[in-house]
Protein backbone atom coordinates (compact mmCIF):
# COMPACT_ATOMS: atom_id res chain seq x y z
CA MET A 1 72.48 86.12 -18.07
CA ASN A 2 70.36 83.02 -18.39
CA LYS A 3 73.47 80.90 -18.74
CA LEU A 4 74.94 82.42 -15.58
CA PHE A 5 71.71 81.80 -13.67
CA TYR A 6 71.55 78.21 -14.94
CA LEU A 7 75.19 77.58 -13.94
CA SER A 8 74.58 79.05 -10.48
CA PHE A 9 71.49 76.87 -10.07
CA LEU A 10 73.47 73.75 -10.96
CA MET A 11 76.22 74.58 -8.48
CA ILE A 12 73.72 75.25 -5.70
CA SER A 13 71.95 71.97 -6.48
CA PHE A 14 75.28 70.12 -6.49
CA LEU A 15 76.30 71.58 -3.13
CA ALA A 16 72.89 70.79 -1.70
CA CYS A 17 73.22 67.17 -2.81
CA LYS A 18 76.67 66.94 -1.20
CA THR A 19 75.29 68.42 2.02
CA GLU A 20 72.39 65.94 2.07
CA THR A 21 74.78 63.02 1.46
CA LYS A 22 77.08 64.15 4.25
CA THR A 23 74.15 64.55 6.62
CA GLY A 24 72.98 61.05 5.70
CA ILE A 25 76.41 59.59 6.55
CA GLU A 26 76.48 61.45 9.87
CA ASN A 27 73.03 60.11 10.73
CA LEU A 28 74.16 56.60 9.85
CA GLU A 29 77.18 56.85 12.18
CA GLN A 30 74.97 58.33 14.90
CA LEU A 31 72.59 55.40 14.47
CA LYS A 32 75.48 52.95 14.95
CA THR A 33 76.55 54.81 18.09
CA GLU A 34 73.00 54.62 19.45
CA LYS A 35 72.85 50.89 18.72
CA ILE A 36 76.13 50.22 20.55
CA ASN A 37 74.92 52.36 23.46
CA SER A 38 71.68 50.36 23.61
CA LEU A 39 73.66 47.11 23.46
CA GLY A 40 75.98 48.08 26.32
CA ASN A 41 73.13 49.42 28.45
CA ARG A 42 71.05 46.26 27.95
CA TYR A 43 73.89 44.01 29.14
CA LEU A 44 74.46 46.41 32.06
CA GLU A 45 70.74 46.26 32.91
CA LEU A 46 71.00 42.47 32.97
CA ASN A 47 74.09 42.67 35.26
CA ARG A 48 76.08 40.67 32.72
CA PHE A 49 78.40 43.52 31.76
CA SER A 50 79.91 46.58 33.41
CA GLY A 51 82.93 48.21 31.86
CA VAL A 52 84.40 49.79 28.76
CA ILE A 53 83.75 49.46 25.03
CA LEU A 54 86.30 50.95 22.61
CA VAL A 55 86.19 50.77 18.81
CA THR A 56 89.11 52.10 16.75
CA LYS A 57 89.94 52.36 13.07
CA GLY A 58 93.64 52.82 12.49
CA ASP A 59 94.73 55.51 14.96
CA SER A 60 91.22 57.02 15.21
CA ILE A 61 88.65 56.29 17.91
CA LEU A 62 85.26 55.50 16.37
CA TYR A 63 83.49 54.79 19.65
CA SER A 64 84.37 54.96 23.34
CA ASN A 65 81.99 54.65 26.27
CA ASN A 66 81.77 53.37 29.85
CA PHE A 67 78.89 51.44 31.40
CA GLY A 68 78.33 50.98 35.12
CA LEU A 69 80.92 51.57 37.84
CA ALA A 70 84.51 50.54 38.55
CA ASP A 71 83.69 50.25 42.26
CA TYR A 72 80.04 49.87 43.28
CA GLU A 73 80.64 50.06 47.05
CA ASN A 74 82.30 53.48 46.72
CA ASN A 75 80.30 54.66 43.68
CA LYS A 76 83.53 55.11 41.68
CA PRO A 77 83.06 55.59 37.91
CA PHE A 78 85.33 54.30 35.17
CA SER A 79 87.96 56.57 33.67
CA ASN A 80 90.50 56.31 30.85
CA LYS A 81 93.03 55.10 33.44
CA THR A 82 90.81 52.38 34.95
CA SER A 83 92.60 49.07 34.54
CA PHE A 84 91.11 45.60 34.21
CA ARG A 85 92.59 42.17 34.55
CA VAL A 86 92.96 41.10 30.93
CA GLY A 87 93.53 37.33 31.20
CA LYS A 88 94.65 35.76 27.94
CA ILE A 89 95.22 39.16 26.33
CA SER A 90 98.40 39.11 28.46
CA GLU A 91 99.78 36.61 25.95
CA LEU A 92 99.96 39.36 23.32
CA ILE A 93 102.12 41.52 25.60
CA ILE A 94 104.38 38.65 26.65
CA VAL A 95 104.94 37.56 23.05
CA ASN A 96 105.83 41.13 22.06
CA ILE A 97 108.45 41.35 24.82
CA ILE A 98 109.88 37.94 23.88
CA ARG A 99 110.16 38.84 20.20
CA GLU A 100 111.83 42.16 21.02
CA MET A 101 114.41 40.27 23.10
CA VAL A 102 115.05 37.99 20.12
CA ILE A 103 115.60 41.04 17.90
CA GLU A 104 118.12 42.28 20.48
CA ASP A 105 119.85 38.88 20.14
CA LYS A 106 119.45 37.97 23.81
CA PHE A 107 118.51 34.39 22.87
CA GLN A 108 117.25 32.27 19.98
CA LEU A 109 113.71 30.99 19.55
CA SER A 110 115.19 27.55 18.88
CA ASP A 111 116.80 27.47 22.35
CA ASN A 112 115.47 24.88 24.75
CA ILE A 113 113.43 26.45 27.54
CA SER A 114 115.44 24.46 30.13
CA LYS A 115 118.59 26.36 29.11
CA TYR A 116 117.25 29.42 30.92
CA ILE A 117 114.92 27.74 33.41
CA PRO A 118 116.90 24.74 34.78
CA GLU A 119 114.00 23.45 36.87
CA THR A 120 112.02 22.84 33.68
CA LYS A 121 112.17 19.18 32.66
CA SER A 122 110.98 19.62 29.11
CA GLU A 123 112.45 19.32 25.63
CA LEU A 124 110.28 22.16 24.33
CA THR A 125 111.89 25.17 22.73
CA ILE A 126 110.89 28.78 23.32
CA ASN A 127 109.31 28.75 19.88
CA ASP A 128 107.23 25.70 20.86
CA LEU A 129 105.66 27.66 23.72
CA LEU A 130 105.06 30.71 21.53
CA ASN A 131 103.30 28.55 18.95
CA HIS A 132 101.06 26.81 21.50
CA LYS A 133 102.65 23.36 21.26
CA PRO A 134 100.61 21.27 23.72
CA ASN A 135 101.55 19.08 26.63
CA SER A 136 104.43 21.10 28.00
CA VAL A 137 105.42 19.69 31.38
CA ILE A 138 106.87 22.00 34.01
CA GLU A 139 108.25 20.47 37.19
CA SER A 140 108.43 22.72 40.21
CA SER A 141 108.72 21.80 43.91
CA GLY A 142 108.29 18.13 43.00
CA LYS A 143 104.89 18.77 41.46
CA SER A 144 104.28 18.17 37.76
CA GLU A 145 101.78 20.43 36.03
CA GLU A 146 100.57 19.87 32.48
CA SER A 147 99.32 22.81 30.46
CA ASP A 148 98.47 23.51 26.86
CA LEU A 149 100.28 26.81 26.95
CA ASP A 150 102.59 27.92 29.76
CA TYR A 151 103.04 31.67 29.55
CA ASN A 152 104.21 31.66 33.16
CA SER A 153 107.35 29.91 31.90
CA LEU A 154 107.81 32.68 29.33
CA GLY A 155 107.39 35.26 32.08
CA LEU A 156 110.07 33.54 34.15
CA LEU A 157 112.22 33.34 31.02
CA ILE A 158 111.93 37.12 30.58
CA GLU A 159 113.04 37.67 34.18
CA ASN A 160 115.96 35.23 34.04
CA ILE A 161 117.39 36.54 30.77
CA SER A 162 116.86 40.25 31.45
CA GLY A 163 117.96 40.10 35.07
CA LYS A 164 114.99 42.34 35.87
CA SER A 165 111.63 41.72 37.45
CA PHE A 166 108.62 41.08 35.25
CA GLN A 167 107.15 44.43 36.37
CA GLU A 168 110.32 46.25 35.28
CA ASN A 169 110.08 44.62 31.87
CA ILE A 170 106.43 45.66 31.60
CA GLU A 171 107.41 49.22 32.52
CA GLU A 172 110.01 49.32 29.73
CA TYR A 173 107.47 47.91 27.28
CA SER A 174 104.90 50.49 28.42
CA ASN A 175 107.36 53.36 28.02
CA ASN A 176 108.18 52.29 24.47
CA LEU A 177 104.50 52.31 23.46
CA GLU A 178 103.60 55.28 25.71
CA LEU A 179 101.07 53.23 27.67
CA GLU A 180 99.38 54.88 30.66
CA ASN A 181 98.38 52.07 33.00
CA THR A 182 99.56 48.60 31.94
CA TYR A 183 101.36 46.72 34.70
CA PHE A 184 101.92 43.50 36.59
CA GLN A 185 102.16 44.76 40.16
CA LYS A 186 102.12 48.26 41.58
CA ALA A 187 100.72 50.06 44.61
CA SER A 188 98.37 52.63 43.06
CA SER A 189 96.69 50.98 40.12
CA ASP A 190 93.14 52.32 39.52
CA LEU A 191 92.12 48.68 39.16
CA ALA A 192 88.39 48.07 38.75
CA ILE A 193 86.76 45.86 41.37
CA GLY A 194 85.64 42.51 40.00
CA TYR A 195 82.10 41.30 40.70
CA LEU A 196 80.07 38.13 40.48
CA TYR A 197 76.30 38.20 39.96
CA HIS A 198 74.51 35.21 41.44
CA ASN A 199 72.22 33.97 44.18
CA TYR A 200 74.90 33.48 46.83
CA GLN A 201 72.82 34.29 49.93
CA GLY A 202 69.55 32.67 48.93
CA ASN A 203 67.92 36.08 48.51
CA GLY A 204 67.90 36.13 44.74
CA LEU A 205 70.41 37.51 42.26
CA GLU A 206 72.85 39.98 43.80
CA LEU A 207 76.24 41.54 43.07
CA GLN A 208 79.09 40.07 45.09
CA LYS A 209 82.61 41.44 45.22
CA SER A 210 84.81 38.69 43.83
CA PRO A 211 87.37 37.04 46.12
CA VAL A 212 91.09 37.58 45.52
CA SER A 213 92.25 34.96 43.04
CA ASN A 214 95.25 32.67 43.50
CA SER A 215 96.24 33.56 39.93
CA GLU A 216 96.83 37.22 40.86
CA ASN A 217 100.60 36.72 40.97
CA THR A 218 100.97 34.56 37.88
CA PHE A 219 102.56 36.20 34.86
CA SER A 220 99.89 35.09 32.39
CA ASN A 221 96.82 36.04 34.48
CA GLY A 222 98.21 38.87 36.60
CA LEU A 223 98.61 41.55 33.94
CA LYS A 224 96.29 44.56 34.03
CA SER A 225 95.64 47.14 31.35
CA THR A 226 93.20 49.76 30.08
CA ALA A 227 91.16 49.82 26.89
CA ASN A 228 93.18 52.74 25.49
CA ASP A 229 96.48 50.97 26.25
CA LEU A 230 95.25 47.78 24.59
CA ALA A 231 94.31 49.79 21.51
CA LYS A 232 97.94 50.97 21.28
CA ILE A 233 99.22 47.42 21.82
CA ILE A 234 96.94 46.08 19.10
CA SER A 235 97.96 48.93 16.80
CA SER A 236 101.60 47.90 17.17
CA ASN A 237 100.53 44.47 15.90
CA SER A 238 98.00 45.84 13.41
CA GLU A 239 99.00 43.51 10.57
CA ASN A 240 97.90 40.48 12.60
CA LYS A 241 94.36 39.21 12.90
CA LEU A 242 93.40 38.99 16.55
CA GLU A 243 90.55 37.30 18.40
CA ILE A 244 91.12 36.84 22.13
CA GLU A 245 88.26 36.42 24.55
CA GLY A 246 87.46 34.82 27.86
CA TYR A 247 86.78 35.35 31.53
CA ILE A 248 88.75 34.79 34.72
CA GLU A 249 87.09 32.08 36.78
CA ASP A 250 85.61 33.33 40.07
CA ASP A 251 87.45 36.64 39.67
CA GLY A 252 84.87 39.00 38.25
CA PHE A 253 86.50 39.95 34.94
CA SER A 254 85.79 39.14 31.29
CA TYR A 255 87.31 40.53 28.12
CA SER A 256 87.43 40.49 24.33
CA ALA A 257 89.98 41.98 21.92
CA VAL A 258 89.36 41.75 18.16
CA ASN A 259 91.49 43.19 15.37
CA ASN A 260 90.58 42.99 11.69
CA PRO A 261 93.64 43.97 9.60
CA GLN A 262 91.54 44.10 6.42
CA ASN A 263 89.40 47.05 7.50
CA LYS A 264 91.89 48.19 10.21
CA THR A 265 89.15 48.06 12.84
CA SER A 266 89.63 46.93 16.45
CA ILE A 267 86.97 46.23 19.07
CA ILE A 268 87.91 46.06 22.76
CA VAL A 269 85.44 45.07 25.49
CA LEU A 270 86.61 44.98 29.12
CA SER A 271 84.22 44.12 31.94
CA ASN A 272 84.39 43.83 35.72
CA ARG A 273 81.78 41.06 35.58
CA ARG A 274 82.60 37.38 35.30
CA HIS A 275 79.89 36.76 32.70
CA PRO A 276 81.52 35.50 29.48
CA VAL A 277 79.59 37.91 27.26
CA ALA A 278 82.45 40.19 26.14
CA LYS A 279 82.94 38.25 22.90
CA GLU A 280 79.21 38.20 22.36
CA ILE A 281 79.15 42.00 22.70
CA SER A 282 82.09 42.47 20.31
CA ASN A 283 80.40 40.17 17.75
CA SER A 284 77.26 42.30 17.89
CA ILE A 285 79.30 45.49 17.55
CA GLY A 286 81.02 44.01 14.50
CA SER A 287 77.59 43.36 12.98
CA ILE A 288 76.46 46.91 13.80
CA LEU A 289 79.54 48.39 12.09
CA GLU A 290 78.81 46.32 8.98
CA ASP A 291 75.07 47.07 9.01
CA LYS A 292 74.25 43.42 9.65
CA GLU A 293 71.60 41.89 11.89
CA TYR A 294 72.43 41.21 15.53
CA ARG A 295 70.51 40.11 18.59
CA LEU A 296 69.78 42.39 21.52
CA PRO A 297 69.36 40.37 24.74
CA LEU A 298 65.83 40.28 26.13
CA SER A 299 65.10 42.25 29.29
CA ARG A 300 64.24 40.27 32.41
CA ILE A 301 60.76 41.82 32.46
CA PRO A 302 57.55 39.74 32.47
CA PHE A 303 56.06 39.49 28.98
CA ASP A 304 52.31 39.38 28.47
CA ILE A 305 52.19 36.02 26.73
CA ASP A 306 49.20 34.36 25.14
CA LYS A 307 48.43 31.71 27.78
CA THR A 308 47.00 29.34 25.17
CA ILE A 309 50.48 28.60 23.73
CA LEU A 310 52.00 27.54 27.06
CA LYS A 311 50.86 23.96 26.51
CA ASP A 312 53.12 23.82 23.44
CA PHE A 313 56.16 23.73 25.72
CA ILE A 314 55.20 21.04 28.25
CA GLY A 315 56.99 17.70 28.15
CA ASN A 316 60.18 15.87 29.11
CA TYR A 317 63.56 17.07 27.83
CA SER A 318 67.00 15.48 27.82
CA LEU A 319 70.26 17.45 27.87
CA ASN A 320 72.36 14.27 27.96
CA GLU A 321 72.13 10.75 29.35
CA ASN A 322 72.56 12.08 32.89
CA VAL A 323 70.46 15.23 32.83
CA ASN A 324 66.70 15.16 32.21
CA PHE A 325 64.01 17.61 33.25
CA GLU A 326 60.29 18.20 32.81
CA VAL A 327 58.39 21.34 31.84
CA LEU A 328 54.98 21.51 33.53
CA HIS A 329 51.89 23.67 32.94
CA SER A 330 49.79 24.71 35.94
CA ASN A 331 47.49 27.68 36.70
CA ASP A 332 48.30 29.40 33.40
CA SER A 333 52.03 29.24 34.19
CA LEU A 334 55.07 27.16 33.22
CA PHE A 335 57.42 25.44 35.64
CA VAL A 336 60.57 23.41 35.16
CA LEU A 337 61.03 20.34 37.35
CA MET A 338 64.65 19.22 37.68
CA GLY A 339 65.09 16.64 40.41
CA PRO A 340 63.16 17.80 43.48
CA ASN A 341 63.32 21.47 42.46
CA LYS A 342 60.31 23.11 40.82
CA THR A 343 61.05 26.55 39.38
CA TYR A 344 58.61 29.09 37.95
CA LEU A 345 59.40 30.21 34.40
CA VAL A 346 58.68 33.92 33.79
CA PRO A 347 57.80 34.75 30.16
CA GLN A 348 60.29 37.06 28.38
CA SER A 349 58.86 36.59 24.89
CA THR A 350 56.63 34.19 23.00
CA ASN A 351 59.25 31.43 23.38
CA GLN A 352 61.75 32.49 26.06
CA PHE A 353 61.36 32.29 29.86
CA TYR A 354 63.67 33.30 32.71
CA MET A 355 64.14 32.09 36.28
CA GLN A 356 63.93 34.76 38.99
CA GLN A 357 66.31 33.14 41.46
CA MET A 358 69.12 32.50 38.97
CA ASP A 359 70.64 34.17 35.95
CA ALA A 360 69.29 31.61 33.51
CA SER A 361 66.68 31.40 30.77
CA MET A 362 65.12 28.78 28.52
CA ARG A 363 64.40 29.45 24.85
CA PHE A 364 62.05 26.91 23.25
CA LEU A 365 62.71 26.09 19.60
CA ARG A 366 60.33 24.74 16.99
CA ASP A 367 60.95 22.40 14.05
CA SER A 368 59.85 22.95 10.44
CA THR A 369 56.31 21.89 11.36
CA GLU A 370 56.16 24.49 14.18
CA VAL A 371 56.27 21.80 16.89
CA VAL A 372 58.49 22.55 19.89
CA ASN A 373 61.27 19.94 19.79
CA ARG A 374 64.21 21.55 21.61
CA VAL A 375 65.06 24.07 24.30
CA ALA A 376 68.24 26.15 24.50
CA LEU A 377 69.53 26.59 28.06
CA LEU A 378 70.86 30.11 28.49
CA ASN A 379 73.09 30.51 31.51
CA GLY A 380 73.61 34.23 31.93
CA PHE A 381 74.21 35.05 28.27
CA ILE A 382 72.06 35.01 25.18
CA GLU A 383 73.72 32.29 23.10
CA SER A 384 74.36 28.75 24.25
CA GLU A 385 75.56 25.47 22.85
CA GLN A 386 73.54 23.63 25.48
CA THR A 387 70.36 22.39 23.88
CA ALA A 388 68.05 19.80 25.34
CA ASN A 389 65.94 17.65 23.04
CA ARG A 390 62.30 16.98 23.76
CA ILE A 391 61.66 13.29 24.49
CA LYS A 392 58.88 11.94 22.29
């Protein structure tokens, strides 16, 4: 009887331990979800991001959430079918179509591009373009254009060899992968509206609907897709490491697509804001998934700073030989003087200040002796390679 009781006690204890461990894992995953939610909401609050974040592992969705609106004028939310302009991510789709055509023996990668596009005055092969060989020269209408990578030529190549429009080729590609809303041109698209966030009327920072871009009809910049469709596209190339990020100039969209074949995890960030923070967001999400440290952007809310340390930041700074500015201290406040313009710096933390009339901040940095010797210039996103040195 005692033995039976003892055995039962051990089994109950074992099951209890398993239950506690499982609960601990669930709490850990919930904590990661909360951190990603906080990250997306902070960037939304700062008007640097509005869009979709999707994290997958293999064929499973680890995280999926929307932030902000697809259309702010009409209060239209995002949905699974909301498409975004995906910029350089288009290259992944175009390469997949090209390689499928090679498998079908429609041409050889060693063929000269001019064989199929006679107006091209270049000795480059199709493979050269696929492998980013620089300085391709395309002559059209008497105008020579030099580009590091001409995916528009590959789009034209697809049309000329297939005898079908680029949109028809995209439709075939979409059908093969069972994509819902990836396209080049179509009437009803559920396309998110792109926005800029800047002081364009002199009234402070405001959202502005982005103008229609001239690149809308180009093969490389004109493709649109959804986060769920991109996850399927990446999954079809899951053995390849992928890091594509960028933003479409003056067109209100930014994007990041990351695939790590080692842990089979993909992170997709699509935004209808021009701010180039999508990669920054995906980097932070990667750190969250790996339980590493990451930086949450500071809110643009006045910080109650110790006024006695403001004098630490005053002085002249040089960004380069052509750009110098001065940080002044007056009436318990800091100002930056650049040319004739004097701008009030609002404290965000003990060493970071923002400018109310523009989406910019200045983060003062100290040397090993705790003396301020540099300032990082943050233009709309938290990290920056622009650092001005203090002039001694």
